[in-house]
Amino acid sequence: MNLMRSKLARAAAAFLAATCAALMATATASASPPPGLFGGTGSMVAPLTDSAAAALPNGQVLVVGGWSGSTATTVAQLFDPITGTFTATGSMTVPRACAVAVALPDGEVLVAGGLSMPHVGLSSAELYNPATGTFTPTGSMSVDRECAAGALLPNGDVLIAGGRSEVSDVLSSSEIYDPATGTFSWGPAMSIVRSHPYAASVPGGVLVGGGATVGGATATTELYDASSNSFRPAAPMGTPRQGAAAVTLPDGLVLVAGGVNAANAPQASAELYDPQSDTFSPTGSMLKPTVGAAAALLPGGLALIAGGSNDVSTPTDAAEVYASYPQARITGVALPSSSIGLTVTQKVSVTNWGALPLDVTGASVIGPQAGDFQVTADGCLGASVAFAASCQLTIAFTPTVSGLRTADLQLTDNEAVPAVATLSGTGVPLLMVPSVPLATPKLMVPLPPATPPSTGASPTTSASPSATTPVRFLKLVTCTKLARAAARHPRTSRCRTTLIPPPATLPSGRHVVATLSRGRHTYARGSWQGSELLLWAPKTLRAASYTLTVKAGGKQLHQPVRIG
């Protein structure tokens, strides 16, 4: 299996190398490069239109049936992404054109419906076993159904919707196949009849769109909701499409390509559907206008579009591969809460869900509250991130005030639109001194000749000193992680006081603040409390050398301090 994955990775890399130059040329020529592009690959075993395709567990794609002229075929073939070639496999039990093919969770492929010859519809279905390369019959649908659309549901069942019936013409009905029992049952009806629609799996259900209605090709789409077993309207496409190819990409977007428009003209254009925003947007165009092609996902985030017709009537053996432009997804952006002035760090991952490599040249934090966040380590800088691979950034969060703090993390890269994600963290007030006398201060360093005030005095009730009040010491209060228990049982508090001599030139006043740090991490922060400059630390500090920083009047004073 690892050898197969390695070969598939090399195959994807070979295609990307061949197409990357063309994409970069497009990006250079346009201020808004397309989200993806198409490139050629090997030809099918024969010219066919209205075939069906499904991805296999080994990375290959099964392409079944189709019209060869006016004859439906039993031909089944495999596309190998390592070699870029098609080869024949076992034949279907009956000829099928305009059938549905859907990969099942167990690796088999359901092939259902279609036409065995002009005007002879099929309700039968069969299963392809990739281990043996053979087809065997399974249960039949309730009606003959040709040129329908099918996709996998979240529970492993298969939805087949729309199409035509030689008995009742264009259909709005749907059926659901249960692989466990090998049987079909009726599903809900769509809002309109659709012949030659497409279907693709999306979170929670299936997108069904396009096709021909009573008035011709339509741009409308609808979503099947598996939880409610019902259809609801979705956003329309940018152009009407009948006989389009569709495939769900690894990033969740749905590629819809080709088809004929309302004037029955084959289209080369393609669109991407975003299920999160329920919107369609244009992407790169196919090499040639195509209708009735088969589509399936390939390894490495690529998609295969095979066969069809370039002029409505003449089948083609040509195939194309779609490569999506780099698409960064940023995760891990919710940082832990931190006390005001104290720093926490967290790694943020950047994953590329585009087929082409993501080249990152920088990352920055922007927004009104950007000062609370900082990129302290950039493991993505200069990286070329392959499909489904990741790089990491380290983000430091130092809240300046309490409450929710947010800022935007923006990448500089080769995406069509560089990714932006919102960083968030919550600032919490510094740990307050328990309302009971503290333990006897333990002197960690010698004090200047002075008599400090009583440590039992409340630090929050005295007035702030004047600017001329001499400062004889700093008081560092640290508490263990039993602070929460101490809130319920104050006398069990494990807080202790350490007295630290201040810099000789330390001024006093209401706007004096101090921090105790080591390296890039701040461990304590404080300000004037009565006649003392108090620093609070949420946990006991280990014995080490620290830097005491005092800020006053726009100036900063630094002094080394040994704790322990």
Protein backbone atom coordinates (compact mmCIF):
# COMPACT_ATOMS: atom_id res chain seq x y z
CA MET A 1 0.00 0.00 0.00
CA ASN A 2 2.84 2.41 0.84
CA LEU A 3 4.49 1.59 -2.50
CA MET A 4 1.22 2.35 -4.31
CA ARG A 5 0.87 5.67 -2.48
CA SER A 6 4.43 6.55 -3.41
CA LYS A 7 3.78 5.79 -7.07
CA LEU A 8 0.58 7.82 -7.01
CA ALA A 9 2.42 10.72 -5.43
CA ARG A 10 5.05 10.58 -8.16
CA ALA A 11 2.34 10.46 -10.83
CA ALA A 12 0.61 13.51 -9.37
CA ALA A 13 3.96 15.30 -9.16
CA ALA A 14 4.68 14.53 -12.83
CA PHE A 15 1.36 16.02 -13.94
CA LEU A 16 1.83 19.05 -11.73
CA ALA A 17 5.28 19.67 -13.17
CA ALA A 18 3.82 19.56 -16.69
CA THR A 19 0.98 21.96 -15.91
CA CYS A 20 2.55 24.29 -13.35
CA ALA A 21 4.30 26.38 -16.00
CA ALA A 22 1.01 27.00 -17.80
CA LEU A 23 -0.68 27.97 -14.54
CA MET A 24 2.11 30.34 -13.60
CA ALA A 25 1.85 31.95 -17.04
CA THR A 26 -1.87 32.44 -16.45
CA ALA A 27 -1.19 33.92 -13.03
CA THR A 28 1.40 36.31 -14.48
CA ALA A 29 -0.89 37.47 -17.27
CA SER A 30 -3.89 38.03 -15.01
CA ALA A 31 -4.31 39.93 -11.77
CA SER A 32 -6.84 37.27 -10.72
CA PRO A 33 -5.54 33.82 -11.74
CA PRO A 34 -8.15 31.03 -12.04
CA PRO A 35 -8.66 28.63 -9.11
CA GLY A 36 -7.55 25.74 -11.37
CA LEU A 37 -6.77 24.58 -14.87
CA PHE A 38 -7.19 21.60 -17.19
CA GLY A 39 -4.46 19.60 -18.93
CA GLY A 40 -4.49 16.68 -21.33
CA THR A 41 -3.77 13.02 -20.52
CA GLY A 42 -3.99 9.65 -22.31
CA SER A 43 -6.93 8.64 -24.52
CA MET A 44 -9.68 6.13 -23.71
CA VAL A 45 -9.76 2.69 -25.35
CA ALA A 46 -12.44 3.97 -27.73
CA PRO A 47 -14.40 7.16 -28.43
CA LEU A 48 -17.41 7.13 -26.10
CA THR A 49 -20.01 9.57 -24.85
CA ASP A 50 -22.40 9.32 -21.90
CA SER A 51 -20.05 6.99 -20.00
CA ALA A 52 -19.98 6.88 -16.18
CA ALA A 53 -16.94 6.90 -13.88
CA ALA A 54 -16.02 6.18 -10.25
CA ALA A 55 -12.78 6.28 -8.26
CA LEU A 56 -11.34 3.00 -6.95
CA PRO A 57 -9.46 2.48 -3.65
CA ASN A 58 -6.14 1.90 -5.47
CA GLY A 59 -6.26 5.36 -7.07
CA GLN A 60 -7.42 4.17 -10.47
CA VAL A 61 -10.72 5.21 -12.07
CA LEU A 62 -13.33 2.85 -13.51
CA VAL A 63 -15.08 4.17 -16.65
CA VAL A 64 -18.09 2.13 -17.81
CA GLY A 65 -20.34 1.96 -20.86
CA GLY A 66 -21.32 4.80 -23.13
CA TRP A 67 -22.44 5.32 -26.71
CA SER A 68 -20.20 4.27 -29.57
CA GLY A 69 -22.16 5.90 -32.35
CA SER A 70 -25.73 4.71 -31.74
CA THR A 71 -24.66 1.52 -29.96
CA ALA A 72 -24.53 1.13 -26.20
CA THR A 73 -21.48 -0.80 -25.04
CA THR A 74 -20.55 -3.22 -22.27
CA VAL A 75 -16.98 -1.91 -22.28
CA ALA A 76 -15.37 -1.06 -18.94
CA GLN A 77 -11.91 0.46 -18.68
CA LEU A 78 -9.46 1.58 -16.01
CA PHE A 79 -7.52 4.84 -15.98
CA ASP A 80 -4.12 4.52 -14.32
CA PRO A 81 -2.87 7.90 -13.00
CA ILE A 82 0.68 6.53 -12.73
CA THR A 83 0.97 5.94 -16.47
CA GLY A 84 -1.83 8.24 -17.65
CA THR A 85 -3.32 5.42 -19.75
CA PHE A 86 -6.62 3.56 -20.09
CA THR A 87 -6.84 -0.26 -20.25
CA ALA A 88 -9.83 -2.59 -20.60
CA THR A 89 -11.18 -4.56 -17.65
CA GLY A 90 -14.09 -7.03 -17.36
CA SER A 91 -17.28 -6.23 -19.28
CA MET A 92 -20.64 -5.32 -17.78
CA THR A 93 -23.45 -7.87 -17.78
CA VAL A 94 -25.52 -5.74 -20.21
CA PRO A 95 -24.77 -2.78 -22.50
CA ARG A 96 -25.31 0.56 -20.76
CA ALA A 97 -25.10 4.15 -21.95
CA CYS A 98 -26.08 7.14 -19.82
CA ALA A 99 -25.89 5.02 -16.64
CA VAL A 100 -24.88 6.06 -13.11
CA ALA A 101 -21.67 4.85 -11.43
CA VAL A 102 -20.97 5.46 -7.71
CA ALA A 103 -18.09 4.10 -5.60
CA LEU A 104 -19.30 2.35 -2.43
CA PRO A 105 -17.57 2.42 0.97
CA ASP A 106 -16.41 -1.20 0.60
CA GLY A 107 -14.56 -0.41 -2.63
CA GLU A 108 -17.08 -1.85 -5.04
CA VAL A 109 -18.84 0.33 -7.65
CA LEU A 110 -22.60 0.49 -8.20
CA VAL A 111 -23.60 0.85 -11.87
CA ALA A 112 -27.33 1.49 -12.33
CA GLY A 113 -29.84 2.22 -15.09
CA GLY A 114 -29.03 3.66 -18.49
CA LEU A 115 -30.05 2.56 -21.99
CA SER A 116 -29.18 -0.78 -23.55
CA MET A 117 -30.10 0.58 -26.99
CA PRO A 118 -31.98 3.67 -28.20
CA HIS A 119 -35.34 3.96 -26.40
CA VAL A 120 -34.78 0.82 -24.29
CA GLY A 121 -34.34 1.96 -20.72
CA LEU A 122 -32.90 -0.13 -17.89
CA SER A 123 -33.94 -0.42 -14.24
CA SER A 124 -31.32 -3.08 -13.49
CA ALA A 125 -28.06 -2.50 -11.62
CA GLU A 126 -24.78 -4.32 -11.12
CA LEU A 127 -21.69 -4.18 -8.90
CA TYR A 128 -18.06 -4.01 -10.03
CA ASN A 129 -15.52 -5.82 -7.85
CA PRO A 130 -12.07 -4.23 -8.33
CA ALA A 131 -10.34 -7.26 -6.79
CA THR A 132 -11.63 -9.60 -9.50
CA GLY A 133 -12.39 -7.12 -12.28
CA THR A 134 -15.87 -8.58 -12.71
CA PHE A 135 -19.50 -7.38 -12.60
CA THR A 136 -22.38 -9.13 -10.80
CA PRO A 137 -26.10 -8.18 -10.74
CA THR A 138 -27.68 -6.51 -7.71
CA GLY A 139 -31.21 -5.26 -6.99
CA SER A 140 -33.14 -3.22 -9.58
CA MET A 141 -34.60 0.27 -9.38
CA SER A 142 -38.34 0.84 -9.27
CA VAL A 143 -38.42 2.33 -12.78
CA ASP A 144 -36.17 2.35 -15.82
CA ARG A 145 -33.94 5.39 -15.35
CA GLU A 146 -31.50 6.73 -17.95
CA CYS A 147 -29.25 9.80 -17.84
CA ALA A 148 -29.88 10.24 -14.10
CA ALA A 149 -27.37 11.44 -11.48
CA GLY A 150 -26.04 9.60 -8.45
CA ALA A 151 -23.78 10.23 -5.45
CA LEU A 152 -22.81 8.68 -2.13
CA LEU A 153 -24.72 9.68 1.02
CA PRO A 154 -23.09 10.22 4.44
CA ASN A 155 -24.36 6.84 5.71
CA GLY A 156 -22.94 4.90 2.74
CA ASP A 157 -26.21 4.62 0.81
CA VAL A 158 -26.51 5.97 -2.75
CA LEU A 159 -28.94 8.63 -3.99
CA ILE A 160 -30.01 8.39 -7.65
CA ALA A 161 -32.12 11.31 -8.84
CA GLY A 162 -33.87 12.49 -11.99
CA GLY A 163 -33.18 11.19 -15.48
CA ARG A 164 -35.63 9.92 -18.04
CA SER A 165 -37.90 6.90 -18.23
CA GLU A 166 -39.16 5.40 -21.46
CA VAL A 167 -42.43 4.87 -19.60
CA SER A 168 -42.98 8.27 -17.93
CA ASP A 169 -40.55 10.67 -19.69
CA VAL A 170 -38.42 13.15 -17.65
CA LEU A 171 -38.31 12.39 -13.92
CA SER A 172 -38.21 14.39 -10.71
CA SER A 173 -38.26 11.30 -8.50
CA SER A 174 -35.30 9.75 -6.68
CA GLU A 175 -34.35 6.35 -5.32
CA ILE A 176 -31.94 5.27 -2.61
CA TYR A 177 -29.76 2.16 -2.83
CA ASP A 178 -28.82 0.30 0.36
CA PRO A 179 -25.56 -1.64 -0.14
CA ALA A 180 -26.26 -3.78 2.95
CA THR A 181 -29.43 -5.26 1.41
CA GLY A 182 -28.71 -4.67 -2.27
CA THR A 183 -32.12 -3.05 -2.73
CA PHE A 184 -33.58 0.28 -3.91
CA SER A 185 -36.35 2.25 -2.21
CA TRP A 186 -38.15 5.43 -3.17
CA GLY A 187 -36.63 8.74 -2.10
CA PRO A 188 -38.20 12.23 -2.13
CA ALA A 189 -39.00 14.09 -5.33
CA MET A 190 -36.96 17.06 -6.53
CA SER A 191 -38.61 20.43 -7.10
CA ILE A 192 -38.49 20.00 -10.91
CA VAL A 193 -37.86 17.26 -13.49
CA ARG A 194 -34.23 16.91 -14.59
CA SER A 195 -32.72 14.86 -17.43
CA HIS A 196 -28.91 14.67 -17.72
CA PRO A 197 -28.32 16.41 -14.34
CA TYR A 198 -25.17 15.97 -12.27
CA ALA A 199 -24.80 14.95 -8.63
CA ALA A 200 -21.96 15.32 -6.11
CA SER A 201 -21.58 14.54 -2.43
CA VAL A 202 -21.47 17.53 -0.06
CA PRO A 203 -21.53 17.70 3.75
CA GLY A 204 -24.84 16.32 4.96
CA GLY A 205 -26.16 15.24 1.57
CA VAL A 206 -25.92 15.61 -2.20
CA LEU A 207 -25.90 18.54 -4.62
CA VAL A 208 -28.06 17.87 -7.72
CA GLY A 209 -27.95 20.47 -10.47
CA GLY A 210 -28.48 21.41 -14.06
CA GLY A 211 -29.97 19.01 -16.58
CA ALA A 212 -32.83 19.54 -18.98
CA THR A 213 -36.31 20.50 -17.85
CA VAL A 214 -39.40 21.05 -19.94
CA GLY A 215 -37.90 24.33 -21.19
CA GLY A 216 -34.38 23.04 -21.90
CA ALA A 217 -31.09 23.30 -20.00
CA THR A 218 -31.35 24.87 -16.54
CA ALA A 219 -28.91 26.58 -14.18
CA THR A 220 -30.93 25.69 -11.08
CA THR A 221 -29.63 23.35 -8.39
CA GLU A 222 -30.96 21.76 -5.24
CA LEU A 223 -29.59 20.03 -2.17
CA TYR A 224 -30.70 16.67 -0.82
CA ASP A 225 -30.59 16.78 2.99
CA ALA A 226 -29.97 13.27 4.32
CA SER A 227 -31.11 14.16 7.84
CA SER A 228 -34.57 15.29 6.70
CA ASN A 229 -34.79 13.11 3.56
CA SER A 230 -35.84 16.10 1.48
CA PHE A 231 -34.64 18.49 -1.23
CA ARG A 232 -34.31 22.23 -0.84
CA PRO A 233 -33.26 24.92 -3.35
CA ALA A 234 -29.58 25.85 -3.68
CA ALA A 235 -27.75 28.63 -5.50
CA PRO A 236 -27.97 28.64 -9.32
CA MET A 237 -24.94 28.10 -11.54
CA GLY A 238 -23.46 30.87 -13.61
CA THR A 239 -24.73 29.24 -16.79
CA PRO A 240 -27.34 26.59 -17.65
CA ARG A 241 -25.77 23.11 -18.08
CA GLN A 242 -27.20 19.85 -19.36
CA GLY A 243 -24.92 16.81 -19.46
CA ALA A 244 -22.19 18.43 -17.34
CA ALA A 245 -19.57 16.46 -15.42
CA ALA A 246 -19.18 16.95 -11.67
CA VAL A 247 -16.82 15.74 -8.94
CA THR A 248 -16.29 16.66 -5.28
CA LEU A 249 -12.72 17.85 -4.65
CA PRO A 250 -10.76 17.14 -1.45
CA ASP A 251 -11.31 20.67 -0.10
CA GLY A 252 -15.08 20.15 -0.27
CA LEU A 253 -15.67 22.26 -3.37
CA VAL A 254 -17.59 20.70 -6.27
CA LEU A 255 -16.17 21.02 -9.78
CA VAL A 256 -18.87 21.29 -12.49
CA ALA A 257 -17.52 21.27 -16.06
CA GLY A 258 -18.89 21.38 -19.59
CA GLY A 259 -22.39 20.43 -20.70
CA VAL A 260 -24.62 22.21 -23.21
CA ASN A 261 -26.25 25.55 -22.49
CA ALA A 262 -29.82 26.66 -23.16
CA ALA A 263 -28.95 27.04 -26.87
CA ASN A 264 -27.73 23.39 -26.93
CA ALA A 265 -24.13 24.55 -27.51
CA PRO A 266 -21.32 22.53 -25.82
CA GLN A 267 -19.43 24.48 -23.14
CA ALA A 268 -15.75 24.44 -22.15
CA SER A 269 -16.32 26.58 -19.06
CA ALA A 270 -16.32 25.20 -15.53
CA GLU A 271 -17.50 26.35 -12.12
CA LEU A 272 -16.79 25.59 -8.47
CA TYR A 273 -19.58 25.20 -5.92
CA ASP A 274 -18.81 26.07 -2.31
CA PRO A 275 -21.24 24.26 0.03
CA GLN A 276 -20.21 26.48 2.95
CA SER A 277 -21.33 29.69 1.27
CA ASP A 278 -23.81 28.11 -1.20
CA THR A 279 -22.20 29.94 -4.12
CA PHE A 280 -20.76 29.16 -7.55
CA SER A 281 -17.64 30.82 -8.93
CA PRO A 282 -15.83 30.37 -12.26
CA THR A 283 -12.64 28.36 -12.62
CA GLY A 284 -10.38 27.51 -15.57
CA SER A 285 -11.95 26.16 -18.77
CA MET A 286 -11.50 22.73 -20.36
CA LEU A 287 -9.30 22.34 -23.41
CA LYS A 288 -12.38 21.73 -25.58
CA PRO A 289 -16.15 22.19 -25.18
CA THR A 290 -17.49 18.84 -23.93
CA VAL A 291 -20.89 17.34 -23.09
CA GLY A 292 -21.68 13.91 -21.71
CA ALA A 293 -18.24 13.30 -20.16
CA ALA A 294 -17.55 11.08 -17.13
CA ALA A 295 -15.77 12.49 -14.05
CA ALA A 296 -14.04 11.08 -10.97
CA LEU A 297 -11.50 12.11 -8.34
CA LEU A 298 -7.82 11.21 -8.78
CA PRO A 299 -5.05 11.03 -6.15
CA GLY A 300 -3.26 14.26 -5.32
CA GLY A 301 -6.39 16.39 -5.47
CA LEU A 302 -6.76 16.01 -9.25
CA ALA A 303 -9.94 15.20 -11.19
CA LEU A 304 -10.41 13.16 -14.38
CA ILE A 305 -12.86 14.26 -17.11
CA ALA A 306 -13.10 11.52 -19.77
CA GLY A 307 -14.88 11.08 -23.10
CA GLY A 308 -18.10 12.82 -24.08
CA SER A 309 -18.71 14.77 -27.24
CA ASN A 310 -17.28 18.05 -28.47
CA ASP A 311 -20.14 18.72 -30.89
CA VAL A 312 -23.17 17.01 -29.27
CA SER A 313 -23.20 14.06 -31.70
CA THR A 314 -19.62 12.76 -32.24
CA PRO A 315 -18.05 10.76 -29.36
CA THR A 316 -14.46 11.53 -28.33
CA ASP A 317 -11.75 9.43 -26.71
CA ALA A 318 -10.00 12.48 -25.25
CA ALA A 319 -9.55 12.90 -21.51
CA GLU A 320 -8.46 15.83 -19.37
CA VAL A 321 -7.20 16.27 -15.82
CA TYR A 322 -8.18 19.22 -13.60
CA ALA A 323 -5.67 20.63 -11.13
CA SER A 324 -6.94 23.07 -8.54
CA TYR A 325 -4.89 26.16 -7.69
CA PRO A 326 -3.19 26.18 -4.26
CA GLN A 327 -5.73 26.59 -1.45
CA ALA A 328 -4.49 27.17 2.10
CA ARG A 329 -6.63 26.15 5.06
CA ILE A 330 -5.48 27.60 8.41
CA THR A 331 -6.39 25.72 11.61
CA GLY A 332 -5.60 26.08 15.30
CA VAL A 333 -6.38 29.80 15.42
CA ALA A 334 -8.21 29.79 18.78
CA LEU A 335 -5.47 30.44 21.34
CA PRO A 336 -5.68 29.67 25.08
CA SER A 337 -6.75 32.37 27.49
CA SER A 338 -3.96 34.27 29.19
CA SER A 339 -3.57 36.73 32.04
CA ILE A 340 -3.04 40.33 31.02
CA GLY A 341 0.59 40.84 30.13
CA LEU A 342 1.43 37.11 30.18
CA THR A 343 2.28 35.27 26.96
CA VAL A 344 0.98 31.94 25.68
CA THR A 345 1.99 30.34 22.39
CA GLN A 346 0.32 27.89 20.04
CA LYS A 347 1.19 26.28 16.72
CA VAL A 348 -1.10 27.14 13.80
CA SER A 349 -1.22 24.72 10.85
CA VAL A 350 -1.43 25.72 7.18
CA THR A 351 -2.62 22.87 4.92
CA ASN A 352 -2.72 22.97 1.12
CA TRP A 353 -5.92 21.48 -0.33
CA GLY A 354 -5.10 22.53 -3.88
CA ALA A 355 -3.43 20.14 -6.32
CA LEU A 356 -0.69 22.62 -7.21
CA PRO A 357 2.02 23.40 -4.60
CA LEU A 358 1.41 26.24 -2.15
CA ASP A 359 4.40 28.62 -2.03
CA VAL A 360 4.41 30.74 1.13
CA THR A 361 6.56 33.86 1.19
CA GLY A 362 5.31 35.47 4.39
CA ALA A 363 2.74 35.75 7.17
CA SER A 364 1.54 38.83 9.03
CA VAL A 365 -0.95 39.76 11.74
CA ILE A 366 -3.27 42.64 10.90
CA GLY A 367 -6.19 44.43 12.52
CA PRO A 368 -6.85 46.92 15.35
CA GLN A 369 -5.88 44.36 18.02
CA ALA A 370 -2.91 42.90 16.13
CA GLY A 371 -0.54 44.09 18.87
CA ASP A 372 -1.76 41.29 21.13
CA PHE A 373 -0.60 38.62 18.64
CA GLN A 374 2.79 37.92 17.11
CA VAL A 375 4.26 35.36 14.70
CA THR A 376 7.26 34.14 16.70
CA ALA A 377 8.32 31.25 14.43
CA ASP A 378 7.46 30.85 10.74
CA GLY A 379 7.89 27.28 9.56
CA CYS A 380 5.99 28.11 6.36
CA LEU A 381 8.31 30.85 5.12
CA GLY A 382 9.90 29.73 1.87
CA ALA A 383 8.07 26.39 1.96
CA SER A 384 6.52 24.72 -1.09
CA VAL A 385 3.62 22.80 0.45
CA ALA A 386 2.34 19.85 -1.59
CA PHE A 387 -1.28 18.68 -1.76
CA ALA A 388 -2.63 17.66 1.69
CA ALA A 389 0.71 18.57 3.33
CA SER A 390 1.09 21.18 6.08
CA CYS A 391 3.50 23.68 7.56
CA GLN A 392 3.27 25.42 10.93
CA LEU A 393 3.49 28.90 12.40
CA THR A 394 3.95 29.70 16.09
CA ILE A 395 1.66 32.45 17.34
CA ALA A 396 2.23 34.25 20.64
CA PHE A 397 -0.73 35.84 22.44
CA THR A 398 -0.09 38.55 25.05
CA PRO A 399 -3.36 40.28 25.97
CA THR A 400 -3.15 43.95 26.88
CA VAL A 401 -6.68 44.12 28.32
CA SER A 402 -9.27 41.63 29.53
CA GLY A 403 -11.92 40.14 27.26
CA LEU A 404 -11.96 38.63 23.79
CA ARG A 405 -9.12 39.76 21.52
CA THR A 406 -8.98 39.06 17.76
CA ALA A 407 -6.74 39.77 14.79
CA ASP A 408 -6.34 38.43 11.26
CA LEU A 409 -3.50 36.13 10.23
CA GLN A 410 -2.81 36.80 6.55
CA LEU A 411 -0.54 34.72 4.32
CA THR A 412 1.49 35.99 1.41
CA ASP A 413 1.52 33.15 -1.12
CA ASN A 414 0.61 32.05 -4.65
CA GLU A 415 -3.10 31.48 -4.05
CA ALA A 416 -5.59 33.23 -6.30
CA VAL A 417 -6.65 35.06 -3.11
CA PRO A 418 -4.23 34.63 -0.16
CA ALA A 419 -5.78 32.95 2.87
CA VAL A 420 -6.87 34.95 5.92
CA ALA A 421 -7.92 33.42 9.25
CA THR A 422 -9.07 35.12 12.45
CA LEU A 423 -6.90 34.59 15.51
CA SER A 424 -8.66 34.79 18.85
CA GLY A 425 -7.78 34.69 22.51
CA THR A 426 -9.21 35.92 25.79
CA GLY A 427 -7.40 38.17 28.24
CA VAL A 428 -8.22 37.55 31.90
CA PRO A 429 -7.41 39.76 34.91
CA LEU A 430 -4.24 38.99 36.84
CA LEU A 431 -4.67 36.67 39.81
CA MET A 432 -5.70 38.73 42.85
CA VAL A 433 -4.18 38.35 46.35
CA PRO A 434 -6.35 36.19 48.70
CA SER A 435 -8.23 38.20 51.31
CA VAL A 436 -6.25 36.63 54.20
CA PRO A 437 -2.78 37.41 55.51
CA LEU A 438 -0.03 35.95 53.34
CA ALA A 439 2.69 33.73 54.67
CA THR A 440 5.76 35.38 56.14
CA PRO A 441 7.80 36.84 53.27
CA LYS A 442 10.82 34.79 52.29
CA LEU A 443 13.69 37.09 51.38
CA MET A 444 15.29 35.76 48.20
CA VAL A 445 17.72 38.69 47.75
CA PRO A 446 19.17 41.29 50.13
CA LEU A 447 17.09 44.40 50.68
CA PRO A 448 18.25 48.02 50.79
CA PRO A 449 18.15 49.52 54.28
CA ALA A 450 14.45 50.14 54.74
CA THR A 451 11.53 48.92 56.75
CA PRO A 452 8.90 47.55 54.43
CA PRO A 453 5.23 48.02 55.28
CA SER A 454 3.29 45.15 56.78
CA THR A 455 2.50 42.37 54.31
CA GLY A 456 -0.85 41.86 55.94
CA ALA A 457 -2.16 45.21 54.68
CA SER A 458 -4.62 45.08 51.86
CA PRO A 459 -2.85 46.15 48.66
CA THR A 460 -5.95 47.61 47.15
CA THR A 461 -6.96 50.16 49.78
CA SER A 462 -4.00 52.51 50.08
CA ALA A 463 -3.64 55.59 47.98
CA SER A 464 -1.22 55.71 45.08
CA PRO A 465 2.14 57.30 46.06
CA SER A 466 3.28 60.60 44.78
CA ALA A 467 5.94 60.92 42.14
CA THR A 468 8.56 61.66 44.85
CA THR A 469 7.84 58.65 47.10
CA PRO A 470 11.04 56.58 47.37
CA VAL A 471 10.59 52.96 46.33
CA ARG A 472 12.51 50.63 48.64
CA PHE A 473 11.37 47.26 47.29
CA LEU A 474 9.09 45.37 44.90
CA LYS A 475 6.77 42.66 46.16
CA LEU A 476 6.37 39.52 44.00
CA VAL A 477 3.35 37.40 44.93
CA THR A 478 3.13 33.89 43.44
CA CYS A 479 0.37 31.34 43.92
CA THR A 480 0.22 27.66 43.07
CA LYS A 481 -2.43 26.03 40.88
CA LEU A 482 -4.58 25.65 44.01
CA ALA A 483 -5.84 29.17 43.38
CA ARG A 484 -9.32 27.90 42.45
CA ALA A 485 -9.55 25.87 45.65
CA ALA A 486 -8.26 28.85 47.57
CA ALA A 487 -11.22 30.85 46.32
CA ARG A 488 -13.53 28.41 48.12
CA HIS A 489 -11.26 27.88 51.15
CA PRO A 490 -9.08 30.98 51.50
CA ARG A 491 -7.00 29.64 54.42
CA THR A 492 -5.66 26.82 52.20
CA SER A 493 -4.05 29.31 49.81
CA ARG A 494 -0.49 28.54 48.75
CA CYS A 495 0.63 32.04 47.95
CA ARG A 496 3.98 33.42 48.98
CA THR A 497 5.69 36.79 48.83
CA THR A 498 9.19 37.51 47.56
CA LEU A 499 10.78 40.93 48.01
CA ILE A 500 12.93 42.21 45.13
CA PRO A 501 15.10 45.35 45.16
CA PRO A 502 14.07 47.76 42.38
CA PRO A 503 16.38 49.68 40.03
CA ALA A 504 17.96 52.60 41.84
CA THR A 505 16.38 55.15 39.50
CA LEU A 506 12.86 53.72 39.65
CA PRO A 507 10.25 56.52 39.73
CA SER A 508 6.93 56.01 41.41
CA GLY A 509 3.40 56.89 40.44
CA ARG A 510 0.12 55.59 39.16
CA HIS A 511 1.40 54.83 35.65
CA VAL A 512 4.38 52.69 36.63
CA VAL A 513 4.10 49.05 35.52
CA ALA A 514 6.56 46.20 35.83
CA THR A 515 7.06 42.76 34.30
CA LEU A 516 9.23 39.78 35.16
CA SER A 517 10.36 37.81 32.13
CA ARG A 518 12.84 35.24 30.90
CA GLY A 519 13.54 34.97 27.20
CA ARG A 520 10.35 35.75 25.29
CA HIS A 521 7.99 34.65 28.06
CA THR A 522 6.51 36.96 30.69
CA TYR A 523 5.88 35.28 34.04
CA ALA A 524 4.60 38.14 36.22
CA ARG A 525 3.12 41.60 35.77
CA GLY A 526 2.19 44.32 38.18
CA SER A 527 1.54 47.96 39.02
CA TRP A 528 1.22 50.27 42.00
CA GLN A 529 -0.90 48.94 44.84
CA GLY A 530 -0.88 51.40 47.71
CA SER A 531 2.72 52.19 48.68
CA GLU A 532 4.08 49.06 47.01
CA LEU A 533 4.78 48.02 43.44
CA LEU A 534 3.29 44.50 43.34
CA LEU A 535 3.88 41.84 40.69
CA TRP A 536 1.50 38.87 40.43
CA ALA A 537 2.39 35.47 38.98
CA PRO A 538 -0.31 32.79 38.46
CA LYS A 539 2.06 29.98 39.45
CA THR A 540 5.20 29.48 41.49
CA LEU A 541 8.32 30.52 39.60
CA ARG A 542 11.19 28.09 39.43
CA ALA A 543 14.64 29.11 40.59
CA ALA A 544 16.30 30.97 37.70
CA SER A 545 17.54 34.34 36.52
CA TYR A 546 14.86 36.71 35.24
CA THR A 547 14.74 40.22 33.80
CA LEU A 548 12.77 42.85 35.71
CA THR A 549 11.40 45.50 33.32
CA VAL A 550 9.87 48.68 34.72
CA LYS A 551 8.00 51.06 32.44
CA ALA A 552 7.32 54.62 33.49
CA GLY A 553 6.89 57.89 31.62
CA GLY A 554 7.63 56.32 28.26
CA LYS A 555 10.94 54.88 29.51
CA GLN A 556 11.93 51.31 30.23
CA LEU A 557 14.37 50.20 32.93
CA HIS A 558 15.83 46.67 32.99
CA GLN A 559 17.50 44.83 35.86
CA PRO A 560 18.54 41.18 36.24
CA VAL A 561 16.92 39.41 39.19
CA ARG A 562 17.68 36.01 40.67
CA ILE A 563 14.72 34.05 42.07
CA GLY A 564 15.51 31.10 44.35
